[in-house]
Amino acid sequence: TRLNRAAVLARKMAGTGNVAEQRSQFNALSLEVEALIKRADIES
């Protein structure tokens, strides 16, 4: 579900050339990517 939500947000950002609209989606995208990173097994 988290990957899916992040993909939808990224798709919305890709669909507009308006930087203000892109920025309005970026916080939600950042939260989803943060959650993915925190649950990943990253070593360094």
PDB file of all heavy atoms in Angstrom:
ATOM      1  N   THR A   1       0.817  -1.209   0.000  1.00  0.00           N
ATOM      2  CA  THR A   1       0.000   0.000   0.000  1.00  0.00           C
ATOM      3  C   THR A   1       0.849   1.257   0.000  1.00  0.00           C
ATOM      4  O   THR A   1       0.545   2.226  -0.688  1.00  0.00           O
ATOM      5  CB  THR A   1      -0.936  -0.001   1.223  1.00  0.00           C
ATOM      6  OG1 THR A   1      -1.698  -1.196   1.187  1.00  0.00           O
ATOM      7  CG2 THR A   1      -1.861   1.178   1.221  1.00  0.00           C
ATOM      8  N   ARG A   2       1.928   1.275   0.774  1.00  0.00           N
ATOM      9  CA  ARG A   2       2.773   2.474   0.853  1.00  0.00           C
ATOM     10  C   ARG A   2       3.446   2.755  -0.485  1.00  0.00           C
ATOM     11  O   ARG A   2       3.506   3.891  -0.930  1.00  0.00           O
ATOM     12  CB  ARG A   2       3.814   2.317   1.962  1.00  0.00           C
ATOM     13  CG  ARG A   2       4.505   3.620   2.254  1.00  0.00           C
ATOM     14  CD  ARG A   2       5.192   3.640   3.588  1.00  0.00           C
ATOM     15  NE  ARG A   2       4.350   3.454   4.731  1.00  0.00           N
ATOM     16  CZ  ARG A   2       3.643   4.401   5.341  1.00  0.00           C
ATOM     17  NH1 ARG A   2       3.621   5.610   4.858  1.00  0.00           N
ATOM     18  NH2 ARG A   2       2.953   4.140   6.419  1.00  0.00           N
ATOM     19  N   LEU A   3       3.945   1.720  -1.140  1.00  0.00           N
ATOM     20  CA  LEU A   3       4.530   1.897  -2.467  1.00  0.00           C
ATOM     21  C   LEU A   3       3.490   2.451  -3.436  1.00  0.00           C
ATOM     22  O   LEU A   3       3.776   3.336  -4.232  1.00  0.00           O
ATOM     23  CB  LEU A   3       5.062   0.573  -3.018  1.00  0.00           C
ATOM     24  CG  LEU A   3       6.403   0.074  -2.495  1.00  0.00           C
ATOM     25  CD1 LEU A   3       6.679  -1.320  -3.024  1.00  0.00           C
ATOM     26  CD2 LEU A   3       7.521   1.012  -2.872  1.00  0.00           C
ATOM     27  N   ASN A   4       2.284   1.917  -3.351  1.00  0.00           N
ATOM     28  CA  ASN A   4       1.212   2.358  -4.234  1.00  0.00           C
ATOM     29  C   ASN A   4       0.871   3.828  -3.998  1.00  0.00           C
ATOM     30  O   ASN A   4       0.721   4.598  -4.945  1.00  0.00           O
ATOM     31  CB  ASN A   4      -0.026   1.477  -4.045  1.00  0.00           C
ATOM     32  CG  ASN A   4      -1.051   1.717  -5.114  1.00  0.00           C
ATOM     33  OD1 ASN A   4      -0.719   1.833  -6.287  1.00  0.00           O
ATOM     34  ND2 ASN A   4      -2.299   1.809  -4.715  1.00  0.00           N
ATOM     35  N   ARG A   5       0.759   4.239  -2.743  1.00  0.00           N
ATOM     36  CA  ARG A   5       0.454   5.647  -2.433  1.00  0.00           C
ATOM     37  C   ARG A   5       1.560   6.564  -2.943  1.00  0.00           C
ATOM     38  O   ARG A   5       1.291   7.622  -3.523  1.00  0.00           O
ATOM     39  CB  ARG A   5       0.262   5.849  -0.932  1.00  0.00           C
ATOM     40  CG  ARG A   5      -1.071   5.349  -0.420  1.00  0.00           C
ATOM     41  CD  ARG A   5      -1.355   5.852   0.973  1.00  0.00           C
ATOM     42  NE  ARG A   5      -0.318   5.509   1.931  1.00  0.00           N
ATOM     43  CZ  ARG A   5      -0.457   4.622   2.918  1.00  0.00           C
ATOM     44  NH1 ARG A   5      -1.595   3.993   3.099  1.00  0.00           N
ATOM     45  NH2 ARG A   5       0.534   4.388   3.743  1.00  0.00           N
ATOM     46  N   ALA A   6       2.799   6.173  -2.749  1.00  0.00           N
ATOM     47  CA  ALA A   6       3.925   6.981  -3.210  1.00  0.00           C
ATOM     48  C   ALA A   6       3.930   7.055  -4.743  1.00  0.00           C
ATOM     49  O   ALA A   6       4.186   8.117  -5.315  1.00  0.00           O
ATOM     50  CB  ALA A   6       5.238   6.408  -2.696  1.00  0.00           C
ATOM     51  N   ALA A   7       3.615   5.951  -5.415  1.00  0.00           N
ATOM     52  CA  ALA A   7       3.576   5.938  -6.882  1.00  0.00           C
ATOM     53  C   ALA A   7       2.488   6.874  -7.405  1.00  0.00           C
ATOM     54  O   ALA A   7       2.692   7.587  -8.390  1.00  0.00           O
ATOM     55  CB  ALA A   7       3.352   4.515  -7.395  1.00  0.00           C
ATOM     56  N   VAL A   8       1.337   6.904  -6.757  1.00  0.00           N
ATOM     57  CA  VAL A   8       0.248   7.793  -7.163  1.00  0.00           C
ATOM     58  C   VAL A   8       0.678   9.252  -7.015  1.00  0.00           C
ATOM     59  O   VAL A   8       0.444  10.071  -7.912  1.00  0.00           O
ATOM     60  CB  VAL A   8      -1.038   7.506  -6.350  1.00  0.00           C
ATOM     61  CG1 VAL A   8      -2.070   8.609  -6.523  1.00  0.00           C
ATOM     62  CG2 VAL A   8      -1.620   6.156  -6.747  1.00  0.00           C
ATOM     63  N   LEU A   9       1.311   9.590  -5.906  1.00  0.00           N
ATOM     64  CA  LEU A   9       1.784  10.962  -5.687  1.00  0.00           C
ATOM     65  C   LEU A   9       2.831  11.354  -6.721  1.00  0.00           C
ATOM     66  O   LEU A   9       2.792  12.465  -7.273  1.00  0.00           O
ATOM     67  CB  LEU A   9       2.346  11.108  -4.275  1.00  0.00           C
ATOM     68  CG  LEU A   9       1.321  11.034  -3.149  1.00  0.00           C
ATOM     69  CD1 LEU A   9       2.010  10.804  -1.808  1.00  0.00           C
ATOM     70  CD2 LEU A   9       0.476  12.294  -3.113  1.00  0.00           C
ATOM     71  N   ALA A  10       3.774  10.457  -6.999  1.00  0.00           N
ATOM     72  CA  ALA A  10       4.809  10.746  -7.994  1.00  0.00           C
ATOM     73  C   ALA A  10       4.183  10.922  -9.376  1.00  0.00           C
ATOM     74  O   ALA A  10       4.594  11.808 -10.135  1.00  0.00           O
ATOM     75  CB  ALA A  10       5.854   9.627  -8.010  1.00  0.00           C
ATOM     76  N   ARG A  11       3.196  10.115  -9.697  1.00  0.00           N
ATOM     77  CA  ARG A  11       2.509  10.230 -10.985  1.00  0.00           C
ATOM     78  C   ARG A  11       1.812  11.588 -11.109  1.00  0.00           C
ATOM     79  O   ARG A  11       1.842  12.220 -12.154  1.00  0.00           O
ATOM     80  CB  ARG A  11       1.508   9.080 -11.136  1.00  0.00           C
ATOM     81  CG  ARG A  11       1.332   8.592 -12.522  1.00  0.00           C
ATOM     82  CD  ARG A  11       0.536   7.307 -12.705  1.00  0.00           C
ATOM     83  NE  ARG A  11      -0.392   6.923 -11.664  1.00  0.00           N
ATOM     84  CZ  ARG A  11      -0.167   5.979 -10.755  1.00  0.00           C
ATOM     85  NH1 ARG A  11       0.968   5.307 -10.753  1.00  0.00           N
ATOM     86  NH2 ARG A  11      -1.071   5.680  -9.850  1.00  0.00           N
ATOM     87  N   LYS A  12       1.184  12.047 -10.026  1.00  0.00           N
ATOM     88  CA  LYS A  12       0.538  13.369 -10.036  1.00  0.00           C
ATOM     89  C   LYS A  12       1.567  14.468 -10.286  1.00  0.00           C
ATOM     90  O   LYS A  12       1.320  15.398 -11.044  1.00  0.00           O
ATOM     91  CB  LYS A  12      -0.174  13.635  -8.708  1.00  0.00           C
ATOM     92  CG  LYS A  12      -1.473  12.921  -8.542  1.00  0.00           C
ATOM     93  CD  LYS A  12      -2.111  13.305  -7.216  1.00  0.00           C
ATOM     94  CE  LYS A  12      -3.357  12.504  -6.947  1.00  0.00           C
ATOM     95  NZ  LYS A  12      -3.931  12.815  -5.620  1.00  0.00           N
ATOM     96  N   MET A  13       2.719  14.357  -9.635  1.00  0.00           N
ATOM     97  CA  MET A  13       3.763  15.362  -9.818  1.00  0.00           C
ATOM     98  C   MET A  13       4.307  15.336 -11.240  1.00  0.00           C
ATOM     99  O   MET A  13       4.618  16.378 -11.808  1.00  0.00           O
ATOM    100  CB  MET A  13       4.889  15.142  -8.808  1.00  0.00           C
ATOM    101  CG  MET A  13       4.489  15.471  -7.381  1.00  0.00           C
ATOM    102  SD  MET A  13       5.799  15.144  -6.194  1.00  0.00           S
ATOM    103  CE  MET A  13       6.968  16.424  -6.634  1.00  0.00           C
ATOM    104  N   ALA A  14       4.415  14.147 -11.823  1.00  0.00           N
ATOM    105  CA  ALA A  14       4.916  14.018 -13.186  1.00  0.00           C
ATOM    106  C   ALA A  14       3.915  14.579 -14.199  1.00  0.00           C
ATOM    107  O   ALA A  14       4.300  14.982 -15.292  1.00  0.00           O
ATOM    108  CB  ALA A  14       5.216  12.557 -13.509  1.00  0.00           C
ATOM    109  N   GLY A  15       2.652  14.619 -13.816  1.00  0.00           N
ATOM    110  CA  GLY A  15       1.604  15.059 -14.722  1.00  0.00           C
ATOM    111  C   GLY A  15       1.396  16.554 -14.800  1.00  0.00           C
ATOM    112  O   GLY A  15       0.535  17.019 -15.542  1.00  0.00           O
ATOM    113  N   THR A  16       2.165  17.321 -14.051  1.00  0.00           N
ATOM    114  CA  THR A  16       2.011  18.773 -14.097  1.00  0.00           C
ATOM    115  C   THR A  16       3.358  19.452 -14.292  1.00  0.00           C
ATOM    116  O   THR A  16       4.374  18.992 -13.762  1.00  0.00           O
ATOM    117  CB  THR A  16       1.327  19.332 -12.819  1.00  0.00           C
ATOM    118  OG1 THR A  16       1.183  20.748 -12.959  1.00  0.00           O
ATOM    119  CG2 THR A  16       2.115  19.026 -11.560  1.00  0.00           C
ATOM    120  N   GLY A  17       3.346  20.533 -15.038  1.00  0.00           N
ATOM    121  CA  GLY A  17       4.546  21.340 -15.227  1.00  0.00           C
ATOM    122  C   GLY A  17       4.564  22.555 -14.321  1.00  0.00           C
ATOM    123  O   GLY A  17       5.411  23.419 -14.457  1.00  0.00           O
ATOM    124  N   ASN A  18       3.629  22.586 -13.367  1.00  0.00           N
ATOM    125  CA  ASN A  18       3.508  23.717 -12.461  1.00  0.00           C
ATOM    126  C   ASN A  18       4.269  23.407 -11.175  1.00  0.00           C
ATOM    127  O   ASN A  18       3.883  22.510 -10.417  1.00  0.00           O
ATOM    128  CB  ASN A  18       2.022  23.974 -12.171  1.00  0.00           C
ATOM    129  CG  ASN A  18       1.796  25.164 -11.286  1.00  0.00           C
ATOM    130  OD1 ASN A  18       2.403  25.295 -10.228  1.00  0.00           O
ATOM    131  ND2 ASN A  18       0.891  26.026 -11.701  1.00  0.00           N
ATOM    132  N   VAL A  19       5.342  24.149 -10.918  1.00  0.00           N
ATOM    133  CA  VAL A  19       6.193  23.862  -9.759  1.00  0.00           C
ATOM    134  C   VAL A  19       5.433  24.034  -8.443  1.00  0.00           C
ATOM    135  O   VAL A  19       5.682  23.293  -7.484  1.00  0.00           O
ATOM    136  CB  VAL A  19       7.502  24.682  -9.803  1.00  0.00           C
ATOM    137  CG1 VAL A  19       7.277  26.124  -9.451  1.00  0.00           C
ATOM    138  CG2 VAL A  19       8.558  24.071  -8.903  1.00  0.00           C
ATOM    139  N   ALA A  20       4.484  24.944  -8.367  1.00  0.00           N
ATOM    140  CA  ALA A  20       3.698  25.124  -7.137  1.00  0.00           C
ATOM    141  C   ALA A  20       2.852  23.874  -6.858  1.00  0.00           C
ATOM    142  O   ALA A  20       2.756  23.427  -5.712  1.00  0.00           O
ATOM    143  CB  ALA A  20       2.808  26.361  -7.235  1.00  0.00           C
ATOM    144  N   GLU A  21       2.267  23.293  -7.899  1.00  0.00           N
ATOM    145  CA  GLU A  21       1.493  22.058  -7.720  1.00  0.00           C
ATOM    146  C   GLU A  21       2.405  20.901  -7.338  1.00  0.00           C
ATOM    147  O   GLU A  21       2.046  20.066  -6.499  1.00  0.00           O
ATOM    148  CB  GLU A  21       0.723  21.726  -9.003  1.00  0.00           C
ATOM    149  CG  GLU A  21      -0.430  22.665  -9.275  1.00  0.00           C
ATOM    150  CD  GLU A  21      -1.150  22.326 -10.576  1.00  0.00           C
ATOM    151  OE1 GLU A  21      -1.181  21.145 -10.972  1.00  0.00           O
ATOM    152  OE2 GLU A  21      -1.672  23.270 -11.194  1.00  0.00           O
ATOM    153  N   GLN A  22       3.575  20.830  -7.946  1.00  0.00           N
ATOM    154  CA  GLN A  22       4.531  19.780  -7.603  1.00  0.00           C
ATOM    155  C   GLN A  22       4.931  19.889  -6.133  1.00  0.00           C
ATOM    156  O   GLN A  22       4.963  18.894  -5.415  1.00  0.00           O
ATOM    157  CB  GLN A  22       5.760  19.860  -8.504  1.00  0.00           C
ATOM    158  CG  GLN A  22       5.458  19.510  -9.942  1.00  0.00           C
ATOM    159  CD  GLN A  22       6.576  19.899 -10.888  1.00  0.00           C
ATOM    160  OE1 GLN A  22       7.355  20.828 -10.636  1.00  0.00           O
ATOM    161  NE2 GLN A  22       6.668  19.187 -12.002  1.00  0.00           N
ATOM    162  N   ARG A  23       5.202  21.103  -5.709  1.00  0.00           N
ATOM    163  CA  ARG A  23       5.588  21.311  -4.314  1.00  0.00           C
ATOM    164  C   ARG A  23       4.453  20.964  -3.357  1.00  0.00           C
ATOM    165  O   ARG A  23       4.694  20.477  -2.251  1.00  0.00           O
ATOM    166  CB  ARG A  23       6.039  22.754  -4.100  1.00  0.00           C
ATOM    167  CG  ARG A  23       7.405  23.032  -4.674  1.00  0.00           C
ATOM    168  CD  ARG A  23       7.807  24.474  -4.535  1.00  0.00           C
ATOM    169  NE  ARG A  23       9.217  24.650  -4.895  1.00  0.00           N
ATOM    170  CZ  ARG A  23       9.704  25.723  -5.473  1.00  0.00           C
ATOM    171  NH1 ARG A  23       8.907  26.750  -5.758  1.00  0.00           N
ATOM    172  NH2 ARG A  23      10.988  25.795  -5.767  1.00  0.00           N
ATOM    173  N   SER A  24       3.212  21.177  -3.769  1.00  0.00           N
ATOM    174  CA  SER A  24       2.084  20.871  -2.883  1.00  0.00           C
ATOM    175  C   SER A  24       1.945  19.364  -2.652  1.00  0.00           C
ATOM    176  O   SER A  24       1.413  18.939  -1.627  1.00  0.00           O
ATOM    177  CB  SER A  24       0.777  21.454  -3.438  1.00  0.00           C
ATOM    178  OG  SER A  24       0.328  20.728  -4.555  1.00  0.00           O
ATOM    179  N   GLN A  25       2.434  18.544  -3.562  1.00  0.00           N
ATOM    180  CA  GLN A  25       2.386  17.080  -3.419  1.00  0.00           C
ATOM    181  C   GLN A  25       3.628  16.526  -2.719  1.00  0.00           C
ATOM    182  O   GLN A  25       3.623  15.398  -2.234  1.00  0.00           O
ATOM    183  CB  GLN A  25       2.281  16.415  -4.798  1.00  0.00           C
ATOM    184  CG  GLN A  25       1.056  16.769  -5.581  1.00  0.00           C
ATOM    185  CD  GLN A  25      -0.202  16.212  -4.949  1.00  0.00           C
ATOM    186  OE1 GLN A  25      -0.208  15.098  -4.432  1.00  0.00           O
ATOM    187  NE2 GLN A  25      -1.262  17.001  -4.950  1.00  0.00           N
ATOM    188  N   PHE A  26       4.690  17.322  -2.675  1.00  0.00           N
ATOM    189  CA  PHE A  26       5.985  16.814  -2.241  1.00  0.00           C
ATOM    190  C   PHE A  26       6.029  16.403  -0.770  1.00  0.00           C
ATOM    191  O   PHE A  26       6.702  15.439  -0.420  1.00  0.00           O
ATOM    192  CB  PHE A  26       7.088  17.830  -2.561  1.00  0.00           C
ATOM    193  CG  PHE A  26       8.474  17.299  -2.376  1.00  0.00           C
ATOM    194  CD1 PHE A  26       8.947  16.274  -3.173  1.00  0.00           C
ATOM    195  CD2 PHE A  26       9.312  17.816  -1.410  1.00  0.00           C
ATOM    196  CE1 PHE A  26      10.219  15.764  -3.012  1.00  0.00           C
ATOM    197  CE2 PHE A  26      10.592  17.326  -1.230  1.00  0.00           C
ATOM    198  CZ  PHE A  26      11.041  16.295  -2.036  1.00  0.00           C
ATOM    199  N   ASN A  27       5.316  17.084   0.105  1.00  0.00           N
ATOM    200  CA  ASN A  27       5.341  16.713   1.517  1.00  0.00           C
ATOM    201  C   ASN A  27       4.781  15.306   1.712  1.00  0.00           C
ATOM    202  O   ASN A  27       5.379  14.481   2.399  1.00  0.00           O
ATOM    203  CB  ASN A  27       4.567  17.716   2.373  1.00  0.00           C
ATOM    204  CG  ASN A  27       4.650  17.396   3.851  1.00  0.00           C
ATOM    205  OD1 ASN A  27       5.734  17.194   4.392  1.00  0.00           O
ATOM    206  ND2 ASN A  27       3.507  17.327   4.513  1.00  0.00           N
ATOM    207  N   ALA A  28       3.631  15.028   1.105  1.00  0.00           N
ATOM    208  CA  ALA A  28       3.031  13.686   1.230  1.00  0.00           C
ATOM    209  C   ALA A  28       3.956  12.633   0.632  1.00  0.00           C
ATOM    210  O   ALA A  28       4.135  11.550   1.204  1.00  0.00           O
ATOM    211  CB  ALA A  28       1.662  13.658   0.557  1.00  0.00           C
ATOM    212  N   LEU A  29       4.575  12.949  -0.505  1.00  0.00           N
ATOM    213  CA  LEU A  29       5.523  12.020  -1.115  1.00  0.00           C
ATOM    214  C   LEU A  29       6.706  11.772  -0.187  1.00  0.00           C
ATOM    215  O   LEU A  29       7.137  10.635   0.000  1.00  0.00           O
ATOM    216  CB  LEU A  29       6.007  12.568  -2.457  1.00  0.00           C
ATOM    217  CG  LEU A  29       7.036  11.711  -3.184  1.00  0.00           C
ATOM    218  CD1 LEU A  29       6.445  10.371  -3.600  1.00  0.00           C
ATOM    219  CD2 LEU A  29       7.588  12.453  -4.388  1.00  0.00           C
ATOM    220  N   SER A  30       7.210  12.824   0.428  1.00  0.00           N
ATOM    221  CA  SER A  30       8.351  12.697   1.353  1.00  0.00           C
ATOM    222  C   SER A  30       8.014  11.791   2.527  1.00  0.00           C
ATOM    223  O   SER A  30       8.837  10.972   2.947  1.00  0.00           O
ATOM    224  CB  SER A  30       8.776  14.076   1.858  1.00  0.00           C
ATOM    225  OG  SER A  30       9.308  14.843   0.808  1.00  0.00           O
ATOM    226  N   LEU A  31       6.811  11.927   3.061  1.00  0.00           N
ATOM    227  CA  LEU A  31       6.399  11.081   4.189  1.00  0.00           C
ATOM    228  C   LEU A  31       6.335   9.608   3.792  1.00  0.00           C
ATOM    229  O   LEU A  31       6.741   8.733   4.563  1.00  0.00           O
ATOM    230  CB  LEU A  31       5.054  11.558   4.739  1.00  0.00           C
ATOM    231  CG  LEU A  31       5.072  12.945   5.386  1.00  0.00           C
ATOM    232  CD1 LEU A  31       3.645  13.391   5.717  1.00  0.00           C
ATOM    233  CD2 LEU A  31       5.955  12.965   6.618  1.00  0.00           C
ATOM    234  N   GLU A  32       5.843   9.331   2.591  1.00  0.00           N
ATOM    235  CA  GLU A  32       5.771   7.941   2.117  1.00  0.00           C
ATOM    236  C   GLU A  32       7.162   7.369   1.882  1.00  0.00           C
ATOM    237  O   GLU A  32       7.458   6.235   2.272  1.00  0.00           O
ATOM    238  CB  GLU A  32       4.935   7.851   0.836  1.00  0.00           C
ATOM    239  CG  GLU A  32       3.485   8.226   0.997  1.00  0.00           C
ATOM    240  CD  GLU A  32       2.701   7.331   1.946  1.00  0.00           C
ATOM    241  OE1 GLU A  32       3.102   6.175   2.186  1.00  0.00           O
ATOM    242  OE2 GLU A  32       1.670   7.804   2.464  1.00  0.00           O
ATOM    243  N   VAL A  33       8.041   8.147   1.251  1.00  0.00           N
ATOM    244  CA  VAL A  33       9.406   7.678   0.995  1.00  0.00           C
ATOM    245  C   VAL A  33      10.162   7.488   2.310  1.00  0.00           C
ATOM    246  O   VAL A  33      10.894   6.511   2.484  1.00  0.00           O
ATOM    247  CB  VAL A  33      10.156   8.638   0.035  1.00  0.00           C
ATOM    248  CG1 VAL A  33      11.637   8.284  -0.060  1.00  0.00           C
ATOM    249  CG2 VAL A  33       9.502   8.618  -1.340  1.00  0.00           C
ATOM    250  N   GLU A  34       9.946   8.379   3.257  1.00  0.00           N
ATOM    251  CA  GLU A  34      10.583   8.230   4.573  1.00  0.00           C
ATOM    252  C   GLU A  34      10.181   6.901   5.221  1.00  0.00           C
ATOM    253  O   GLU A  34      11.026   6.177   5.755  1.00  0.00           O
ATOM    254  CB  GLU A  34      10.179   9.380   5.487  1.00  0.00           C
ATOM    255  CG  GLU A  34      10.719   9.246   6.896  1.00  0.00           C
ATOM    256  CD  GLU A  34      10.173  10.287   7.859  1.00  0.00           C
ATOM    257  OE1 GLU A  34       9.466  11.223   7.422  1.00  0.00           O
ATOM    258  OE2 GLU A  34      10.457  10.151   9.064  1.00  0.00           O
ATOM    259  N   ALA A  35       8.903   6.583   5.189  1.00  0.00           N
ATOM    260  CA  ALA A  35       8.424   5.324   5.781  1.00  0.00           C
ATOM    261  C   ALA A  35       9.041   4.114   5.077  1.00  0.00           C
ATOM    262  O   ALA A  35       9.404   3.128   5.733  1.00  0.00           O
ATOM    263  CB  ALA A  35       6.902   5.266   5.728  1.00  0.00           C
ATOM    264  N   LEU A  36       9.188   4.186   3.763  1.00  0.00           N
ATOM    265  CA  LEU A  36       9.815   3.089   3.020  1.00  0.00           C
ATOM    266  C   LEU A  36      11.270   2.921   3.438  1.00  0.00           C
ATOM    267  O   LEU A  36      11.748   1.808   3.641  1.00  0.00           O
ATOM    268  CB  LEU A  36       9.747   3.360   1.513  1.00  0.00           C
ATOM    269  CG  LEU A  36       8.376   3.267   0.870  1.00  0.00           C
ATOM    270  CD1 LEU A  36       8.416   3.818  -0.549  1.00  0.00           C
ATOM    271  CD2 LEU A  36       7.872   1.828   0.873  1.00  0.00           C
ATOM    272  N   ILE A  37      11.967   4.021   3.580  1.00  0.00           N
ATOM    273  CA  ILE A  37      13.379   3.976   3.962  1.00  0.00           C
ATOM    274  C   ILE A  37      13.543   3.427   5.375  1.00  0.00           C
ATOM    275  O   ILE A  37      14.426   2.615   5.641  1.00  0.00           O
ATOM    276  CB  ILE A  37      14.020   5.370   3.823  1.00  0.00           C
ATOM    277  CG1 ILE A  37      14.194   5.683   2.338  1.00  0.00           C
ATOM    278  CG2 ILE A  37      15.347   5.460   4.566  1.00  0.00           C
ATOM    279  CD1 ILE A  37      14.608   7.087   2.045  1.00  0.00           C
ATOM    280  N   LYS A  38      12.684   3.848   6.272  1.00  0.00           N
ATOM    281  CA  LYS A  38      12.803   3.406   7.664  1.00  0.00           C
ATOM    282  C   LYS A  38      12.562   1.913   7.833  1.00  0.00           C
ATOM    283  O   LYS A  38      13.084   1.303   8.757  1.00  0.00           O
ATOM    284  CB  LYS A  38      11.846   4.203   8.556  1.00  0.00           C
ATOM    285  CG  LYS A  38      12.355   5.593   8.847  1.00  0.00           C
ATOM    286  CD  LYS A  38      11.454   6.323   9.813  1.00  0.00           C
ATOM    287  CE  LYS A  38      12.061   7.634  10.246  1.00  0.00           C
ATOM    288  NZ  LYS A  38      11.206   8.353  11.198  1.00  0.00           N
ATOM    289  N   ARG A  39      11.787   1.315   6.956  1.00  0.00           N
ATOM    290  CA  ARG A  39      11.541  -0.124   7.100  1.00  0.00           C
ATOM    291  C   ARG A  39      12.491  -0.966   6.258  1.00  0.00           C
ATOM    292  O   ARG A  39      12.500  -2.183   6.343  1.00  0.00           O
ATOM    293  CB  ARG A  39      10.097  -0.451   6.789  1.00  0.00           C
ATOM    294  CG  ARG A  39       9.733  -0.413   5.351  1.00  0.00           C
ATOM    295  CD  ARG A  39       8.310  -0.853   5.141  1.00  0.00           C
ATOM    296  NE  ARG A  39       8.141  -1.187   3.738  1.00  0.00           N
ATOM    297  CZ  ARG A  39       7.003  -1.233   3.136  1.00  0.00           C
ATOM    298  NH1 ARG A  39       5.897  -1.000   3.795  1.00  0.00           N
ATOM    299  NH2 ARG A  39       6.931  -1.536   1.872  1.00  0.00           N
ATOM    300  N   ALA A  40      13.310  -0.307   5.425  1.00  0.00           N
ATOM    301  CA  ALA A  40      14.268  -1.022   4.580  1.00  0.00           C
ATOM    302  C   ALA A  40      15.498  -1.409   5.395  1.00  0.00           C
ATOM    303  O   ALA A  40      15.811  -0.793   6.409  1.00  0.00           O
ATOM    304  CB  ALA A  40      14.666  -0.154   3.397  1.00  0.00           C
ATOM    305  N   ASP A  41      16.191  -2.413   4.917  1.00  0.00           N
ATOM    306  CA  ASP A  41      17.413  -2.875   5.561  1.00  0.00           C
ATOM    307  C   ASP A  41      18.613  -2.198   4.899  1.00  0.00           C
ATOM    308  O   ASP A  41      19.286  -2.769   4.048  1.00  0.00           O
ATOM    309  CB  ASP A  41      17.513  -4.396   5.445  1.00  0.00           C
ATOM    310  CG  ASP A  41      18.662  -4.959   6.245  1.00  0.00           C
ATOM    311  OD1 ASP A  41      19.130  -4.286   7.177  1.00  0.00           O
ATOM    312  OD2 ASP A  41      19.096  -6.085   5.920  1.00  0.00           O
ATOM    313  N   ILE A  42      18.850  -0.952   5.292  1.00  0.00           N
ATOM    314  CA  ILE A  42      19.941  -0.175   4.717  1.00  0.00           C
ATOM    315  C   ILE A  42      21.137  -0.264   5.661  1.00  0.00           C
ATOM    316  O   ILE A  42      21.006  -0.065   6.858  1.00  0.00           O
ATOM    317  CB  ILE A  42      19.512   1.289   4.494  1.00  0.00           C
ATOM    318  CG1 ILE A  42      18.336   1.312   3.514  1.00  0.00           C
ATOM    319  CG2 ILE A  42      20.673   2.110   3.974  1.00  0.00           C
ATOM    320  CD1 ILE A  42      17.706   2.662   3.339  1.00  0.00           C
ATOM    321  N   GLU A  43      22.299  -0.559   5.092  1.00  0.00           N
ATOM    322  CA  GLU A  43      23.463  -0.855   5.918  1.00  0.00           C
ATOM    323  C   GLU A  43      24.418   0.309   6.119  1.00  0.00           C
ATOM    324  O   GLU A  43      25.245   0.276   7.021  1.00  0.00           O
ATOM    325  CB  GLU A  43      24.210  -2.045   5.309  1.00  0.00           C
ATOM    326  CG  GLU A  43      23.355  -3.301   5.305  1.00  0.00           C
ATOM    327  CD  GLU A  43      24.038  -4.455   4.607  1.00  0.00           C
ATOM    328  OE1 GLU A  43      25.212  -4.307   4.216  1.00  0.00           O
ATOM    329  OE2 GLU A  43      23.404  -5.502   4.474  1.00  0.00           O
ATOM    330  N   SER A  44      24.355   1.337   5.278  1.00  0.00           N
ATOM    331  CA  SER A  44      25.311   2.435   5.444  1.00  0.00           C
ATOM    332  C   SER A  44      24.714   3.737   4.937  1.00  0.00           C
ATOM    333  O   SER A  44      23.711   3.756   4.232  1.00  0.00           O
ATOM    334  CB  SER A  44      26.609   2.140   4.685  1.00  0.00           C
ATOM    335  OG  SER A  44      26.372   2.125   3.299  1.00  0.00           O
TER     336      SER A  44
END
